[in-house]
Amino acid sequence: MNNVIVRRVGSEDISQVIPGIVNVFRDDEVVPWHRYETCLAWVTKRVQRGFYMTIACDDDKIIGYSEWSAIRLTDKVYLEYSA
């Protein structure tokens, strides 16, 4: 893993990254990201809601996925991590 890059996922990336995200979670039947249809639905909805989503890639292979949502409490913004 010498060439790991982490980058943000935008709405224009969704169709390209879904197969890689599904592959990362392929053995975890508890989360919605282990099947193409549910992963596509969840990622699309979260991008539309403004979640900050990232993928980690080793060369061209997606090896990780994470997401955050910003919440405002009083005058401070906090990031919630979810993966």
N, C-alpha and C. Protein backbone atom coordinates (compact mmCIF):
# COMPACT_ATOMS: atom_id res chain seq x y z
N MET A 1 0.83 -1.19 0.00
CA MET A 1 0.00 0.00 0.00
C MET A 1 0.87 1.25 0.00
N ASN A 2 1.58 1.44 -1.06
CA ASN A 2 2.46 2.60 -1.16
C ASN A 2 1.81 3.80 -1.80
N ASN A 3 0.73 3.60 -2.51
CA ASN A 3 0.11 4.68 -3.27
C ASN A 3 -1.30 5.00 -2.79
N VAL A 4 -1.52 5.00 -1.48
CA VAL A 4 -2.86 5.25 -0.94
C VAL A 4 -3.17 6.74 -1.03
N ILE A 5 -4.33 7.02 -1.60
CA ILE A 5 -4.83 8.39 -1.72
C ILE A 5 -6.24 8.42 -1.16
N VAL A 6 -6.55 9.43 -0.36
CA VAL A 6 -7.91 9.63 0.15
C VAL A 6 -8.48 10.84 -0.56
N ARG A 7 -9.68 10.66 -1.09
CA ARG A 7 -10.32 11.78 -1.79
C ARG A 7 -11.81 11.82 -1.52
N ARG A 8 -12.35 12.99 -1.70
CA ARG A 8 -13.78 13.20 -1.48
C ARG A 8 -14.60 12.63 -2.62
N VAL A 9 -15.78 12.12 -2.30
CA VAL A 9 -16.73 11.61 -3.28
C VAL A 9 -17.78 12.69 -3.52
N GLY A 10 -17.98 13.05 -4.75
CA GLY A 10 -19.02 14.01 -5.12
C GLY A 10 -20.12 13.33 -5.91
N SER A 11 -21.17 14.06 -6.19
CA SER A 11 -22.31 13.47 -6.91
C SER A 11 -21.90 12.96 -8.29
N GLU A 12 -20.90 13.58 -8.90
CA GLU A 12 -20.45 13.14 -10.22
C GLU A 12 -19.66 11.83 -10.17
N ASP A 13 -19.24 11.41 -8.97
CA ASP A 13 -18.44 10.19 -8.80
C ASP A 13 -19.26 8.95 -8.46
N ILE A 14 -20.51 9.12 -8.10
CA ILE A 14 -21.28 8.03 -7.49
C ILE A 14 -21.26 6.75 -8.34
N SER A 15 -21.61 6.84 -9.60
CA SER A 15 -21.70 5.62 -10.40
C SER A 15 -20.35 4.92 -10.53
N GLN A 16 -19.27 5.66 -10.47
CA GLN A 16 -17.94 5.07 -10.60
C GLN A 16 -17.45 4.41 -9.32
N VAL A 17 -17.85 4.92 -8.15
CA VAL A 17 -17.29 4.40 -6.90
C VAL A 17 -18.14 3.33 -6.23
N ILE A 18 -19.40 3.20 -6.61
CA ILE A 18 -20.28 2.22 -5.95
C ILE A 18 -19.71 0.79 -6.01
N PRO A 19 -19.27 0.30 -7.16
CA PRO A 19 -18.73 -1.07 -7.16
C PRO A 19 -17.55 -1.26 -6.19
N GLY A 20 -16.70 -0.26 -6.06
CA GLY A 20 -15.57 -0.36 -5.14
C GLY A 20 -16.00 -0.34 -3.68
N ILE A 21 -16.99 0.49 -3.36
CA ILE A 21 -17.51 0.54 -1.99
C ILE A 21 -18.17 -0.79 -1.64
N VAL A 22 -18.95 -1.33 -2.57
CA VAL A 22 -19.59 -2.63 -2.36
C VAL A 22 -18.52 -3.69 -2.09
N ASN A 23 -17.44 -3.65 -2.83
CA ASN A 23 -16.37 -4.62 -2.64
C ASN A 23 -15.74 -4.52 -1.25
N VAL A 24 -15.58 -3.30 -0.74
CA VAL A 24 -15.02 -3.11 0.60
C VAL A 24 -15.91 -3.77 1.65
N PHE A 25 -17.22 -3.65 1.49
CA PHE A 25 -18.18 -4.15 2.49
C PHE A 25 -18.81 -5.49 2.11
N ARG A 26 -18.28 -6.19 1.12
CA ARG A 26 -18.91 -7.40 0.57
C ARG A 26 -19.19 -8.49 1.60
N ASP A 27 -18.39 -8.56 2.67
CA ASP A 27 -18.58 -9.61 3.67
C ASP A 27 -19.41 -9.17 4.87
N ASP A 28 -19.89 -7.93 4.86
CA ASP A 28 -20.63 -7.39 6.00
C ASP A 28 -22.09 -7.22 5.62
N GLU A 29 -22.91 -8.19 5.96
CA GLU A 29 -24.31 -8.16 5.56
C GLU A 29 -25.17 -7.26 6.44
N VAL A 30 -24.58 -6.65 7.45
CA VAL A 30 -25.34 -5.80 8.36
C VAL A 30 -25.53 -4.40 7.77
N VAL A 31 -24.55 -3.91 7.05
CA VAL A 31 -24.61 -2.54 6.53
C VAL A 31 -25.22 -2.52 5.13
N PRO A 32 -25.80 -1.39 4.72
CA PRO A 32 -26.44 -1.33 3.40
C PRO A 32 -25.45 -1.23 2.24
N TRP A 33 -24.16 -1.13 2.53
CA TRP A 33 -23.18 -0.93 1.47
C TRP A 33 -22.66 -2.23 0.88
N HIS A 34 -23.16 -3.36 1.31
CA HIS A 34 -22.63 -4.64 0.80
C HIS A 34 -23.33 -5.11 -0.49
N ARG A 35 -24.39 -4.42 -0.90
CA ARG A 35 -25.10 -4.76 -2.15
C ARG A 35 -25.21 -3.51 -3.03
N TYR A 36 -25.06 -3.68 -4.32
CA TYR A 36 -25.03 -2.55 -5.24
C TYR A 36 -26.25 -1.65 -5.11
N GLU A 37 -27.44 -2.22 -5.13
CA GLU A 37 -28.67 -1.41 -5.14
C GLU A 37 -28.81 -0.57 -3.86
N THR A 38 -28.57 -1.19 -2.71
CA THR A 38 -28.72 -0.44 -1.46
C THR A 38 -27.58 0.56 -1.28
N CYS A 39 -26.39 0.19 -1.71
CA CYS A 39 -25.26 1.12 -1.61
C CYS A 39 -25.52 2.35 -2.47
N LEU A 40 -25.97 2.15 -3.69
CA LEU A 40 -26.28 3.26 -4.58
C LEU A 40 -27.33 4.19 -3.96
N ALA A 41 -28.38 3.61 -3.41
CA ALA A 41 -29.44 4.42 -2.80
C ALA A 41 -28.93 5.22 -1.60
N TRP A 42 -28.18 4.58 -0.72
CA TRP A 42 -27.68 5.26 0.48
C TRP A 42 -26.66 6.34 0.14
N VAL A 43 -25.72 6.03 -0.71
CA VAL A 43 -24.69 7.01 -1.05
C VAL A 43 -25.31 8.20 -1.77
N THR A 44 -26.21 7.95 -2.71
CA THR A 44 -26.87 9.03 -3.43
C THR A 44 -27.62 9.95 -2.47
N LYS A 45 -28.40 9.37 -1.58
CA LYS A 45 -29.18 10.18 -0.63
C LYS A 45 -28.25 10.99 0.28
N ARG A 46 -27.17 10.38 0.74
CA ARG A 46 -26.27 11.09 1.65
C ARG A 46 -25.51 12.20 0.94
N VAL A 47 -25.11 12.00 -0.29
CA VAL A 47 -24.47 13.08 -1.04
C VAL A 47 -25.45 14.24 -1.21
N GLN A 48 -26.71 13.93 -1.51
CA GLN A 48 -27.73 14.97 -1.67
C GLN A 48 -27.96 15.73 -0.36
N ARG A 49 -27.81 15.05 0.78
CA ARG A 49 -28.01 15.69 2.08
C ARG A 49 -26.77 16.44 2.57
N GLY A 50 -25.69 16.39 1.79
CA GLY A 50 -24.50 17.17 2.14
C GLY A 50 -23.48 16.44 3.00
N PHE A 51 -23.59 15.12 3.09
CA PHE A 51 -22.58 14.37 3.83
C PHE A 51 -21.22 14.56 3.16
N TYR A 52 -20.17 14.57 3.96
CA TYR A 52 -18.81 14.61 3.47
C TYR A 52 -18.35 13.17 3.37
N MET A 53 -18.13 12.68 2.16
CA MET A 53 -17.81 11.27 1.95
C MET A 53 -16.44 11.16 1.31
N THR A 54 -15.66 10.17 1.77
CA THR A 54 -14.33 9.95 1.21
C THR A 54 -14.12 8.47 0.90
N ILE A 55 -13.24 8.23 -0.06
CA ILE A 55 -12.79 6.88 -0.35
C ILE A 55 -11.27 6.88 -0.25
N ALA A 56 -10.72 5.75 0.15
CA ALA A 56 -9.28 5.55 0.13
C ALA A 56 -8.98 4.60 -1.01
N CYS A 57 -8.01 4.97 -1.84
CA CYS A 57 -7.66 4.15 -3.00
C CYS A 57 -6.19 3.80 -2.94
N ASP A 58 -5.89 2.54 -3.24
CA ASP A 58 -4.52 2.08 -3.44
C ASP A 58 -4.39 1.85 -4.93
N ASP A 59 -3.64 2.72 -5.58
CA ASP A 59 -3.63 2.80 -7.03
C ASP A 59 -5.08 3.06 -7.46
N ASP A 60 -5.70 2.20 -8.23
CA ASP A 60 -7.08 2.44 -8.68
C ASP A 60 -8.12 1.64 -7.92
N LYS A 61 -7.70 0.89 -6.90
CA LYS A 61 -8.63 0.03 -6.16
C LYS A 61 -9.10 0.73 -4.88
N ILE A 62 -10.42 0.79 -4.69
CA ILE A 62 -10.98 1.38 -3.48
C ILE A 62 -10.78 0.39 -2.33
N ILE A 63 -10.13 0.87 -1.28
CA ILE A 63 -9.83 0.01 -0.13
C ILE A 63 -10.49 0.50 1.16
N GLY A 64 -11.17 1.64 1.10
CA GLY A 64 -11.85 2.16 2.29
C GLY A 64 -12.87 3.21 1.93
N TYR A 65 -13.81 3.42 2.84
CA TYR A 65 -14.91 4.37 2.63
C TYR A 65 -15.28 4.95 3.98
N SER A 66 -15.54 6.24 4.02
CA SER A 66 -16.01 6.86 5.26
C SER A 66 -16.92 8.03 4.92
N GLU A 67 -17.67 8.46 5.91
CA GLU A 67 -18.57 9.61 5.70
C GLU A 67 -18.74 10.36 7.00
N TRP A 68 -18.98 11.65 6.85
CA TRP A 68 -19.23 12.52 7.99
C TRP A 68 -20.42 13.41 7.66
N SER A 69 -21.11 13.85 8.69
CA SER A 69 -22.13 14.86 8.51
C SER A 69 -21.82 15.99 9.48
N ALA A 70 -22.05 17.20 9.03
CA ALA A 70 -21.82 18.36 9.89
C ALA A 70 -23.09 18.68 10.65
N ILE A 71 -22.95 18.93 11.93
CA ILE A 71 -24.08 19.36 12.73
C ILE A 71 -23.71 20.65 13.44
N ARG A 72 -24.67 21.50 13.67
CA ARG A 72 -24.41 22.77 14.32
C ARG A 72 -25.06 22.76 15.70
N LEU A 73 -24.25 22.96 16.71
CA LEU A 73 -24.73 23.12 18.07
C LEU A 73 -24.29 24.50 18.53
N THR A 74 -25.24 25.36 18.76
CA THR A 74 -24.99 26.77 19.08
C THR A 74 -24.16 27.38 17.95
N ASP A 75 -22.98 27.92 18.25
CA ASP A 75 -22.19 28.58 17.23
C ASP A 75 -21.02 27.72 16.75
N LYS A 76 -20.98 26.45 17.11
CA LYS A 76 -19.89 25.57 16.70
C LYS A 76 -20.39 24.48 15.75
N VAL A 77 -19.54 24.08 14.83
CA VAL A 77 -19.87 23.00 13.91
C VAL A 77 -19.05 21.77 14.31
N TYR A 78 -19.72 20.64 14.40
CA TYR A 78 -19.08 19.39 14.75
C TYR A 78 -19.24 18.42 13.59
N LEU A 79 -18.26 17.56 13.42
CA LEU A 79 -18.38 16.51 12.41
C LEU A 79 -18.65 15.19 13.10
N GLU A 80 -19.63 14.48 12.61
CA GLU A 80 -19.94 13.14 13.11
C GLU A 80 -19.39 12.14 12.13
N TYR A 81 -18.65 11.17 12.61
CA TYR A 81 -18.05 10.14 11.77
C TYR A 81 -18.96 8.93 11.70
N SER A 82 -19.08 8.38 10.51
CA SER A 82 -19.87 7.17 10.31
C SER A 82 -19.21 6.36 9.22
N ALA A 83 -19.02 5.07 9.46
CA ALA A 83 -18.47 4.21 8.40
C ALA A 83 -18.90 2.79 8.62
